[in-house]
Amino acid sequence: MKKPTFIIERRHIILSCLTAMLAVAVYINYSLAGSPVTTPVSELRQDSVNYGDTEFVSAAPGEPPVGAEEVSASPEPDPAADYFAQARLEKSVSRDEAIATMQMMLGGGDLTQDEAVATAIDAVGISALVEKEGNIESLIKSQGFSDCVVYLDGDSAKVVVRSDGLNASDAALIKDIILGEVTISSENIRIFEVK
């Protein structure tokens, strides 16, 4: 009669270790679930706000809820700041779309040599306009305006500036800044004010 052999392989060891780890995890979960950790409300700090506590959820009639003074003290949103943030986002998205379109055209391989050169020149022109827009915005802000957005398209310039009252000298200053950076007709410069 042949004696049975028992060979322990690597997979048997791994399987045994995983089973032991699972058993330990189940035991720890069971032992912790049996004794929940609770803290009486009286032991909590009085200045902390814990969402879900009955003290926060239900208040006496006529009494403001705990933490209401912190919520009401938040500043009101500024619609002008929201406008400038939205305008910058839209301008960035439209520029990114134009750049992606040009990259797709250049990478398509269907362009002739002349079309590829024209597309590359357009890309350089767009990047130059973006750089000039940034320069103009910085220069306008350096003259005391709190915020502005500049749109250039090669033939015209549109500036949206935040001010409490734009007078003729401010408009002339903005036009001088624009004409110092780009060569366009002064009739094609439009200045808009946001209060």
Protein backbone atom coordinates (compact mmCIF):
# COMPACT_ATOMS: atom_id res chain seq x y z
CA MET A 1 0.00 0.00 0.00
CA LYS A 2 1.19 3.42 -0.93
CA LYS A 3 1.58 6.07 1.70
CA PRO A 4 -0.35 9.33 1.00
CA THR A 5 1.81 12.38 0.48
CA PHE A 6 0.79 15.80 1.46
CA ILE A 7 2.58 18.61 -0.31
CA ILE A 8 1.93 22.18 0.76
CA GLU A 9 2.02 24.48 -2.20
CA ARG A 10 2.31 28.24 -2.28
CA ARG A 11 -1.34 28.75 -3.19
CA HIS A 12 -2.40 26.72 -0.13
CA ILE A 13 -0.39 29.05 2.12
CA ILE A 14 -1.86 32.16 0.49
CA LEU A 15 -5.39 30.78 0.76
CA SER A 16 -4.87 29.96 4.44
CA CYS A 17 -3.56 33.46 5.20
CA LEU A 18 -6.49 35.11 3.43
CA THR A 19 -8.95 32.94 5.34
CA ALA A 20 -7.29 33.83 8.65
CA MET A 21 -7.37 37.57 7.82
CA LEU A 22 -11.05 37.33 6.92
CA ALA A 23 -11.81 35.59 10.22
CA VAL A 24 -9.96 38.29 12.18
CA ALA A 25 -11.81 41.07 10.31
CA VAL A 26 -15.19 39.44 11.00
CA TYR A 27 -14.32 39.07 14.70
CA ILE A 28 -13.22 42.71 15.02
CA ASN A 29 -16.35 43.93 13.23
CA TYR A 30 -18.54 41.81 15.51
CA SER A 31 -16.82 42.96 18.68
CA LEU A 32 -17.01 46.65 17.74
CA ALA A 33 -20.63 46.44 16.62
CA GLY A 34 -21.62 45.02 19.99
CA SER A 35 -20.44 48.07 21.93
CA PRO A 36 -21.16 51.32 20.05
CA VAL A 37 -19.04 54.30 20.95
CA THR A 38 -21.29 57.08 22.18
CA THR A 39 -20.59 60.47 23.64
CA PRO A 40 -23.27 62.18 25.73
CA VAL A 41 -24.37 65.55 24.40
CA SER A 42 -23.42 67.17 27.71
CA GLU A 43 -19.78 66.21 27.17
CA LEU A 44 -19.59 67.88 23.75
CA ARG A 45 -18.09 71.33 23.55
CA GLN A 46 -20.75 74.02 23.62
CA ASP A 47 -19.24 76.06 20.76
CA SER A 48 -19.08 73.20 18.27
CA VAL A 49 -21.89 72.51 15.83
CA ASN A 50 -22.65 68.85 15.19
CA TYR A 51 -25.05 68.33 12.35
CA GLY A 52 -27.70 65.77 13.12
CA ASP A 53 -27.85 66.45 16.88
CA THR A 54 -31.32 67.06 18.22
CA GLU A 55 -30.12 70.37 19.62
CA PHE A 56 -29.36 71.60 16.10
CA VAL A 57 -32.33 70.05 14.33
CA SER A 58 -35.09 71.11 16.68
CA ALA A 59 -35.17 74.47 18.40
CA ALA A 60 -37.78 76.06 20.59
CA PRO A 61 -40.43 78.08 18.74
CA GLY A 62 -39.20 81.59 18.06
CA GLU A 63 -35.60 80.67 18.86
CA PRO A 64 -33.10 80.65 15.99
CA PRO A 65 -31.39 77.31 15.37
CA VAL A 66 -27.88 76.77 16.67
CA GLY A 67 -25.38 78.08 14.14
CA ALA A 68 -27.88 80.42 12.42
CA GLU A 69 -25.81 83.49 13.25
CA GLU A 70 -22.85 82.01 11.37
CA VAL A 71 -24.96 81.36 8.28
CA SER A 72 -26.50 84.84 8.18
CA ALA A 73 -23.09 86.50 8.58
CA SER A 74 -21.88 85.25 5.19
CA PRO A 75 -21.39 88.04 2.62
CA GLU A 76 -23.82 88.50 -0.22
CA PRO A 77 -22.61 87.27 -3.61
CA ASP A 78 -21.33 90.01 -5.88
CA PRO A 79 -23.09 89.87 -9.28
CA ALA A 80 -20.32 91.87 -10.97
CA ALA A 81 -17.65 89.43 -9.76
CA ASP A 82 -19.82 86.57 -10.99
CA TYR A 83 -20.10 88.26 -14.38
CA PHE A 84 -16.33 88.62 -14.75
CA ALA A 85 -15.70 85.03 -13.63
CA GLN A 86 -18.29 83.73 -16.11
CA ALA A 87 -16.91 85.94 -18.91
CA ARG A 88 -13.36 84.66 -18.33
CA LEU A 89 -14.59 81.07 -18.30
CA GLU A 90 -16.53 81.49 -21.55
CA LYS A 91 -13.58 83.23 -23.21
CA SER A 92 -11.22 80.46 -22.12
CA VAL A 93 -13.58 77.74 -23.36
CA SER A 94 -14.02 79.40 -26.76
CA ARG A 95 -10.26 79.86 -27.15
CA ASP A 96 -9.64 76.23 -26.19
CA GLU A 97 -12.21 75.07 -28.75
CA ALA A 98 -10.57 77.17 -31.47
CA ILE A 99 -7.14 75.77 -30.61
CA ALA A 100 -8.47 72.21 -30.58
CA THR A 101 -10.05 72.74 -33.99
CA MET A 102 -6.80 74.07 -35.42
CA GLN A 103 -4.84 71.18 -33.94
CA MET A 104 -7.30 68.73 -35.43
CA MET A 105 -6.98 70.42 -38.81
CA LEU A 106 -3.18 70.33 -38.66
CA GLY A 107 -3.11 66.72 -37.51
CA GLY A 108 -5.66 65.52 -40.07
CA GLY A 109 -3.16 65.07 -42.87
CA ASP A 110 -5.64 66.17 -45.56
CA LEU A 111 -4.24 69.68 -45.81
CA THR A 112 -2.07 70.92 -48.60
CA GLN A 113 1.14 72.74 -47.80
CA ASP A 114 -0.51 76.17 -48.29
CA GLU A 115 -3.49 75.28 -46.07
CA ALA A 116 -1.17 74.00 -43.32
CA VAL A 117 0.83 77.24 -43.44
CA ALA A 118 -2.37 79.34 -43.29
CA THR A 119 -3.65 77.33 -40.32
CA ALA A 120 -0.33 77.73 -38.52
CA ILE A 121 -0.41 81.48 -39.15
CA ASP A 122 -3.97 81.62 -37.74
CA ALA A 123 -2.81 79.74 -34.63
CA VAL A 124 0.05 82.20 -34.12
CA GLY A 125 -2.39 85.09 -34.58
CA ILE A 126 -4.77 83.69 -31.96
CA SER A 127 -1.96 83.18 -29.47
CA ALA A 128 -0.76 86.75 -30.07
CA LEU A 129 -4.29 88.07 -29.45
CA VAL A 130 -4.55 86.09 -26.23
CA GLU A 131 -1.24 87.51 -25.04
CA LYS A 132 -2.28 91.07 -25.93
CA GLU A 133 -5.62 90.61 -24.15
CA GLY A 134 -3.77 89.60 -21.00
CA ASN A 135 -1.40 92.56 -21.26
CA ILE A 136 -4.26 95.03 -21.77
CA GLU A 137 -6.20 93.59 -18.83
CA SER A 138 -3.15 93.91 -16.58
CA LEU A 139 -2.48 97.49 -17.66
CA ILE A 140 -6.12 98.52 -17.13
CA LYS A 141 -6.14 96.97 -13.65
CA SER A 142 -2.89 98.80 -12.84
CA GLN A 143 -4.68 102.11 -13.48
CA GLY A 144 -7.04 101.51 -10.53
CA PHE A 145 -9.88 99.51 -12.07
CA SER A 146 -10.86 96.55 -9.93
CA ASP A 147 -11.63 94.13 -12.78
CA CYS A 148 -11.89 93.98 -16.55
CA VAL A 149 -12.19 91.59 -19.48
CA VAL A 150 -10.81 92.35 -22.95
CA TYR A 151 -11.94 90.78 -26.21
CA LEU A 152 -9.76 91.26 -29.31
CA ASP A 153 -10.53 89.89 -32.75
CA GLY A 154 -7.93 91.67 -34.90
CA ASP A 155 -10.23 94.42 -36.23
CA SER A 156 -11.95 95.54 -33.05
CA ALA A 157 -11.58 95.62 -29.28
CA LYS A 158 -14.26 95.29 -26.65
CA VAL A 159 -13.52 96.04 -23.01
CA VAL A 160 -15.81 95.32 -20.08
CA VAL A 161 -14.59 97.20 -17.03
CA ARG A 162 -15.86 97.26 -13.46
CA SER A 163 -16.23 100.75 -12.08
CA ASP A 164 -18.63 102.90 -10.08
CA GLY A 165 -18.82 105.54 -12.74
CA LEU A 166 -16.83 105.65 -15.95
CA ASN A 167 -16.04 109.18 -17.08
CA ALA A 168 -14.52 110.45 -20.33
CA SER A 169 -10.97 110.58 -18.96
CA ASP A 170 -11.20 106.92 -17.84
CA ALA A 171 -12.46 105.92 -21.30
CA ALA A 172 -9.61 107.86 -22.94
CA LEU A 173 -7.10 106.15 -20.64
CA ILE A 174 -8.47 102.71 -21.58
CA LYS A 175 -8.36 103.60 -25.31
CA ASP A 176 -4.74 104.72 -24.96
CA ILE A 177 -3.82 101.44 -23.30
CA ILE A 178 -5.51 99.44 -26.08
CA LEU A 179 -3.93 101.50 -28.87
CA GLY A 180 -0.53 101.03 -27.24
CA GLU A 181 -0.85 97.26 -27.56
CA VAL A 182 -2.74 96.74 -30.85
CA THR A 183 -3.14 98.66 -34.09
CA ILE A 184 -6.83 99.13 -34.71
CA SER A 185 -9.01 102.11 -35.47
CA SER A 186 -10.19 103.99 -32.37
CA GLU A 187 -13.76 103.84 -33.72
CA ASN A 188 -13.61 100.05 -33.32
CA ILE A 189 -12.94 100.23 -29.58
CA ARG A 190 -16.01 99.63 -27.44
CA ILE A 191 -15.94 100.12 -23.67
CA PHE A 192 -18.69 98.70 -21.45
CA GLU A 193 -19.15 99.35 -17.76
CA VAL A 194 -20.36 96.89 -15.12
CA LYS A 195 -21.24 98.26 -11.69
